N, C-alpha and C. Protein backbone atom coordinates (compact mmCIF):
# COMPACT_ATOMS: atom_id res chain seq x y z
N GLN A 1 -6.21 9.76 8.81
CA GLN A 1 -5.75 8.05 9.36
C GLN A 1 -7.54 8.31 10.31
N ALA A 2 -8.09 9.45 10.69
CA ALA A 2 -9.39 8.95 11.99
C ALA A 2 -9.57 8.43 10.70
N ALA A 3 -10.70 8.04 9.53
CA ALA A 3 -11.22 8.37 8.82
C ALA A 3 -10.85 7.18 8.72
N ILE A 4 -9.89 6.17 7.82
CA ILE A 4 -9.37 4.57 8.01
C ILE A 4 -9.39 4.52 9.32
N VAL A 5 -8.91 4.62 10.21
CA VAL A 5 -9.06 4.20 11.77
C VAL A 5 -10.33 3.72 11.98
N GLN A 6 -11.99 4.89 11.72
CA GLN A 6 -13.37 4.78 12.32
C GLN A 6 -13.07 4.36 10.65
N ALA A 7 -13.75 3.25 9.92
CA ALA A 7 -13.59 2.49 8.45
C ALA A 7 -12.68 1.36 9.25
N VAL A 8 -12.08 0.76 9.60
CA VAL A 8 -11.74 -0.10 9.81
C VAL A 8 -12.68 -0.78 10.70
N ARG A 9 -12.50 -0.29 12.14
CA ARG A 9 -13.89 0.20 13.15
C ARG A 9 -15.14 -1.14 12.78
N GLU A 10 -15.33 -0.19 12.17
CA GLU A 10 -16.75 -0.04 10.91
C GLU A 10 -17.13 -1.22 10.42
N ALA A 11 -16.41 -1.82 9.96
CA ALA A 11 -16.12 -3.70 9.27
C ALA A 11 -16.17 -4.30 10.07
N LEU A 12 -15.48 -4.06 11.56
CA LEU A 12 -14.93 -5.11 12.94
C LEU A 12 -15.94 -5.42 13.98
N LYS A 13 -16.47 -4.49 13.29
CA LYS A 13 -17.26 -4.01 14.78
C LYS A 13 -18.30 -6.12 15.10
N GLY A 14 -18.27 -6.92 13.99
CA GLY A 14 -19.33 -7.17 14.29
C GLY A 14 -17.90 -8.97 15.14
N LEU A 15 -17.43 -8.65 15.86
CA LEU A 15 -16.37 -9.49 15.94
C LEU A 15 -16.47 -10.32 16.80
N ALA A 16 -16.59 -8.43 17.71
CA ALA A 16 -16.90 -8.85 19.17
C ALA A 16 -16.97 -7.41 19.79
N PRO A 17 -17.27 -7.97 20.68
CA PRO A 17 -18.18 -6.43 21.48
C PRO A 17 -17.27 -5.08 21.36
N GLN A 18 -16.03 -5.05 22.05
CA GLN A 18 -15.09 -4.41 21.85
C GLN A 18 -14.07 -4.14 20.34
N VAL A 19 -13.68 -3.63 19.66
CA VAL A 19 -12.74 -3.69 18.31
C VAL A 19 -12.21 -2.53 18.70
N ASP A 20 -10.91 -2.73 19.18
CA ASP A 20 -9.55 -1.33 19.04
C ASP A 20 -8.71 -1.55 17.88
N VAL A 21 -8.25 -0.01 17.13
CA VAL A 21 -7.88 -0.57 16.92
C VAL A 21 -6.41 0.23 16.38
N GLU A 22 -5.72 -0.47 15.62
CA GLU A 22 -4.32 0.64 16.13
C GLU A 22 -4.26 0.95 14.68
N PHE A 23 -3.09 2.57 13.78
CA PHE A 23 -2.69 2.35 12.57
C PHE A 23 -1.64 2.59 12.33
N LYS A 24 -0.66 1.60 11.98
CA LYS A 24 0.67 1.85 11.98
C LYS A 24 0.85 2.10 10.51
N GLN A 25 2.67 2.48 10.16
CA GLN A 25 2.90 2.98 9.05
C GLN A 25 4.29 2.55 8.62
N ALA A 26 4.69 1.22 8.08
CA ALA A 26 5.47 0.96 8.28
C ALA A 26 6.41 1.33 6.52
N PRO A 27 7.87 1.27 7.14
CA PRO A 27 8.99 1.42 6.00
C PRO A 27 8.77 0.45 4.37
N ALA A 28 8.98 1.02 3.35
CA ALA A 28 8.60 0.25 2.15
C ALA A 28 9.78 1.28 1.64
N PRO A 29 10.24 0.14 0.45
CA PRO A 29 11.37 0.44 -0.28
C PRO A 29 10.96 1.24 -1.48
N ASN A 30 11.46 2.17 -2.64
CA ASN A 30 11.25 3.34 -2.63
C ASN A 30 10.38 2.44 -4.13
N HIS A 31 8.89 3.53 -4.61
CA HIS A 31 7.77 2.98 -5.25
C HIS A 31 7.14 2.36 -4.59
N ALA A 32 7.67 1.49 -3.48
CA ALA A 32 6.48 0.54 -3.35
C ALA A 32 5.17 0.67 -2.00
N TRP A 33 3.89 0.57 -2.30
CA TRP A 33 3.17 1.98 -1.21
C TRP A 33 2.52 1.32 -2.08
N LYS A 34 1.60 0.24 -0.51
CA LYS A 34 1.30 -0.80 -0.67
C LYS A 34 0.21 -0.10 0.87
N TYR A 35 -0.67 -1.39 1.51
CA TYR A 35 -1.70 -1.16 1.79
C TYR A 35 -2.61 -2.55 2.54
N TRP A 36 -1.97 -3.05 3.43
CA TRP A 36 -3.27 -3.89 3.70
C TRP A 36 -4.31 -4.33 5.55
N VAL A 37 -4.69 -4.96 5.51
CA VAL A 37 -5.24 -5.41 7.63
C VAL A 37 -5.35 -6.00 7.88
N ASP A 38 -4.53 -6.63 8.96
CA ASP A 38 -3.90 -7.84 10.07
C ASP A 38 -5.20 -7.47 11.33
N VAL A 39 -5.65 -8.19 11.75
CA VAL A 39 -6.10 -8.32 12.65
C VAL A 39 -5.96 -9.28 13.53
N VAL A 40 -6.45 -9.06 14.97
CA VAL A 40 -6.26 -10.25 16.05
C VAL A 40 -7.72 -10.50 16.65
N VAL A 41 -7.36 -11.29 16.93
CA VAL A 41 -8.57 -11.49 18.11
C VAL A 41 -8.35 -11.93 19.91
N GLU A 42 -9.48 -11.36 20.44
CA GLU A 42 -8.72 -12.39 21.77
C GLU A 42 -10.25 -12.94 22.18
N THR A 43 -10.18 -14.43 22.91
CA THR A 43 -11.13 -14.73 22.60
C THR A 43 -11.53 -14.51 24.47
N SER A 44 -12.81 -14.90 24.17
CA SER A 44 -13.04 -14.55 26.32
C SER A 44 -11.99 -15.80 27.15
N THR A 45 -11.96 -16.58 26.82
CA THR A 45 -11.13 -18.13 26.79
C THR A 45 -9.25 -17.25 27.02
N GLY A 46 -9.03 -16.28 25.70
CA GLY A 46 -7.94 -15.92 25.91
C GLY A 46 -7.33 -16.05 24.63
N ALA A 47 -7.33 -16.66 23.79
CA ALA A 47 -6.84 -17.71 22.53
C ALA A 47 -6.73 -16.64 22.06
N LEU A 48 -5.97 -16.32 21.13
CA LEU A 48 -5.45 -14.87 20.03
C LEU A 48 -6.23 -16.65 18.55
N PHE A 49 -6.82 -15.37 17.93
CA PHE A 49 -6.58 -15.62 15.73
C PHE A 49 -6.09 -14.39 15.43
N HIS A 50 -5.57 -15.01 14.19
CA HIS A 50 -5.67 -13.78 13.86
C HIS A 50 -5.42 -14.12 11.97
N GLY A 51 -5.99 -13.21 11.21
CA GLY A 51 -6.57 -12.93 9.81
C GLY A 51 -6.31 -11.29 9.48
N GLY A 52 -5.83 -11.83 7.91
CA GLY A 52 -5.32 -10.35 7.45
C GLY A 52 -5.99 -10.38 5.97
N SER A 53 -5.39 -9.16 5.15
CA SER A 53 -5.15 -8.70 4.64
C SER A 53 -4.55 -8.96 3.53
N GLU A 54 -4.43 -9.25 1.89
CA GLU A 54 -2.98 -10.01 0.70
C GLU A 54 -3.22 -7.62 1.08
N PRO A 55 -1.79 -7.76 0.57
CA PRO A 55 -0.95 -6.24 0.69
C PRO A 55 -1.78 -6.14 -1.02
N GLN A 56 -1.72 -4.75 -0.85
CA GLN A 56 -2.49 -4.03 -2.80
C GLN A 56 -1.85 -2.79 -2.88
N ASP A 57 -1.99 -3.04 -4.07
CA ASP A 57 -0.86 -1.08 -3.97
C ASP A 57 -2.26 -0.42 -3.60
N LEU A 58 -2.02 0.87 -3.32
CA LEU A 58 -2.34 2.25 -3.17
C LEU A 58 -3.11 2.54 -4.50
N PRO A 59 -3.94 3.24 -4.93
CA PRO A 59 -4.38 4.07 -6.08
C PRO A 59 -3.19 5.04 -5.90
N TRP A 60 -3.01 5.69 -7.05
CA TRP A 60 -2.39 6.54 -7.00
C TRP A 60 -2.67 7.61 -8.09
N PRO A 61 -3.12 9.00 -8.11
CA PRO A 61 -3.63 9.37 -9.47
C PRO A 61 -2.74 9.28 -10.88
N GLY A 62 -3.67 8.55 -11.80
CA GLY A 62 -3.40 8.67 -13.32
C GLY A 62 -3.07 6.44 -13.11
N LYS A 63 -2.97 6.25 -12.04
CA LYS A 63 -3.20 4.35 -11.87
C LYS A 63 -3.79 3.88 -11.86
N GLY A 64 -3.83 2.48 -11.75
CA GLY A 64 -5.46 1.85 -12.29
C GLY A 64 -6.36 2.43 -11.98
N LYS A 65 -6.56 3.14 -13.35
CA LYS A 65 -8.68 3.99 -13.54
C LYS A 65 -9.08 3.28 -13.31
N GLY A 66 -9.89 2.63 -13.13
CA GLY A 66 -10.99 2.19 -13.59
C GLY A 66 -10.70 0.72 -13.27
N LYS A 67 -9.63 -0.28 -11.81
CA LYS A 67 -9.66 -0.88 -11.50
C LYS A 67 -10.60 -0.64 -9.74
N GLY A 68 -10.49 0.27 -9.61
CA GLY A 68 -11.59 -0.08 -8.25
C GLY A 68 -11.39 0.76 -7.21
N GLY A 69 -10.49 1.35 -7.65
CA GLY A 69 -9.55 2.45 -7.07
C GLY A 69 -10.91 2.82 -5.70
N GLY A 70 -10.79 3.77 -5.26
CA GLY A 70 -12.08 4.60 -5.03
C GLY A 70 -11.36 5.24 -3.46
N SER A 71 -11.77 5.62 -1.99
CA SER A 71 -11.11 6.41 -1.40
C SER A 71 -10.20 5.15 -0.52
N LEU A 72 -9.86 6.01 0.48
CA LEU A 72 -8.71 5.58 0.72
C LEU A 72 -9.67 4.63 2.65
N PRO A 73 -10.03 5.22 3.27
CA PRO A 73 -11.13 4.27 4.19
C PRO A 73 -12.10 3.61 3.88
N ASP A 74 -12.09 3.57 2.53
CA ASP A 74 -13.46 2.72 1.44
C ASP A 74 -12.07 1.57 1.50
N LEU A 75 -10.86 2.14 1.05
CA LEU A 75 -9.93 0.73 0.54
C LEU A 75 -9.76 -0.25 1.77
N PHE A 76 -9.77 0.63 2.61
CA PHE A 76 -9.25 0.35 4.18
C PHE A 76 -10.53 -0.85 4.65
N TRP A 77 -11.48 -0.09 4.28
CA TRP A 77 -13.25 -1.31 4.74
C TRP A 77 -13.08 -2.02 4.16
N SER A 78 -12.85 -2.01 2.95
CA SER A 78 -13.18 -3.45 2.44
C SER A 78 -11.92 -4.28 3.27
N ALA A 79 -11.04 -4.18 3.03
CA ALA A 79 -9.41 -5.15 3.08
C ALA A 79 -9.82 -5.51 5.18
N ALA A 80 -10.95 -4.52 6.00
CA ALA A 80 -11.03 -5.44 6.88
C ALA A 80 -12.33 -5.96 7.03
N GLU A 81 -12.89 -5.80 6.11
CA GLU A 81 -13.85 -6.54 6.29
C GLU A 81 -13.93 -8.21 5.55
N LYS A 82 -12.74 -8.51 4.49
CA LYS A 82 -12.31 -9.51 4.47
C LYS A 82 -11.66 -10.62 5.03
N ALA A 83 -10.61 -9.62 6.25
CA ALA A 83 -10.14 -10.79 7.28
C ALA A 83 -11.36 -10.46 8.14
N SER A 84 -12.19 -10.06 8.12
CA SER A 84 -13.58 -9.48 9.51
C SER A 84 -14.33 -11.88 9.14
N LYS A 85 -14.28 -11.99 8.45
CA LYS A 85 -15.11 -12.78 7.09
C LYS A 85 -14.41 -14.06 8.00
N TYR A 86 -13.45 -13.55 7.12
CA TYR A 86 -12.09 -15.29 7.52
C TYR A 86 -12.36 -15.99 9.00
N LEU A 87 -12.84 -14.78 9.65
CA LEU A 87 -12.49 -14.96 11.40
C LEU A 87 -13.10 -15.60 11.60
N GLN A 88 -14.04 -14.99 11.50
CA GLN A 88 -15.82 -14.75 11.93
C GLN A 88 -16.42 -16.94 11.55
N GLY A 89 -15.39 -16.76 9.99
CA GLY A 89 -15.53 -18.60 9.90
C GLY A 89 -14.82 -19.35 11.58
N GLN A 90 -13.58 -19.25 11.42
CA GLN A 90 -12.50 -19.40 12.98
C GLN A 90 -13.51 -20.34 14.14
N LEU A 91 -13.72 -18.44 13.79
CA LEU A 91 -14.82 -17.98 15.37
C LEU A 91 -16.08 -19.77 15.54
N ALA A 92 -16.89 -19.37 14.79
CA ALA A 92 -17.72 -19.88 14.17
C ALA A 92 -17.84 -21.49 13.84
N SER A 93 -15.69 -21.94 14.36
CA SER A 93 -16.07 -23.47 13.86
C SER A 93 -15.78 -23.93 15.60
N GLY A 94 -15.30 -22.85 16.33
CA GLY A 94 -15.38 -24.09 17.85
C GLY A 94 -13.97 -24.11 18.05
N ALA A 95 -13.38 -24.67 17.13
CA ALA A 95 -12.09 -25.36 16.91
C ALA A 95 -10.71 -23.94 17.23
N ALA A 96 -9.93 -24.56 18.45
CA ALA A 96 -8.81 -23.99 19.27
C ALA A 96 -7.59 -23.96 18.33
N VAL A 97 -7.78 -24.12 18.15
CA VAL A 97 -6.72 -23.32 16.08
C VAL A 97 -7.39 -23.36 14.77
N GLU A 98 -6.40 -23.21 14.71
CA GLU A 98 -7.02 -22.43 13.06
C GLU A 98 -6.81 -23.82 11.92
N VAL A 99 -8.13 -23.12 10.62
CA VAL A 99 -8.19 -24.83 9.81
C VAL A 99 -7.33 -25.81 9.51
N HIS A 100 -6.33 -24.20 8.70
CA HIS A 100 -4.68 -24.97 8.60
C HIS A 100 -4.10 -25.88 9.14
N LEU A 101 -4.00 -25.06 10.67
CA LEU A 101 -3.03 -25.83 11.71
C LEU A 101 -4.48 -27.10 12.04
N ALA A 102 -4.70 -27.01 12.29
CA ALA A 102 -5.82 -28.71 12.56
C ALA A 102 -6.07 -29.91 11.03
N ASP A 103 -4.85 -29.11 9.75
CA ASP A 103 -4.93 -30.69 9.15
C ASP A 103 -3.82 -31.01 9.69
N GLN A 104 -3.06 -29.89 9.59
CA GLN A 104 -1.17 -31.02 10.27
C GLN A 104 -1.52 -31.47 11.81
N LEU A 105 -3.06 -31.41 12.45
CA LEU A 105 -2.58 -31.98 13.36
C LEU A 105 -2.92 -33.39 13.65
N ILE A 106 -3.58 -33.12 12.40
CA ILE A 106 -4.91 -34.21 13.02
C ILE A 106 -3.57 -35.62 12.44
N LEU A 107 -2.30 -36.84 12.67
CA LEU A 107 -2.55 -37.56 12.26
C LEU A 107 -2.84 -38.90 12.26
N PRO A 108 -1.84 -40.26 11.52
CA PRO A 108 -2.37 -41.69 11.76
C PRO A 108 -1.99 -42.07 12.58
């Protein structure tokens, strides 16, 4: 668990001067072993932005051979990196809301 937290912290370090990482496990139905990363960024003005990765199947021995498995820290780092890139784009835009919401707020 500590290696996963460190990998996620490393992937997100470019988002803010301070990065807090929490690791949580959620109960799942039988044979549903997934992982993902959710990221919440709080700006200096208190605005909150969310980004995340899509849930992916955890690799198991004999499952997914040749499909780019990897260590758990590597998998979580990659998921955090995807979420980070999305959030960097949102924050760089300077908009007060996420781009998809902004499309819905502009009325004729």
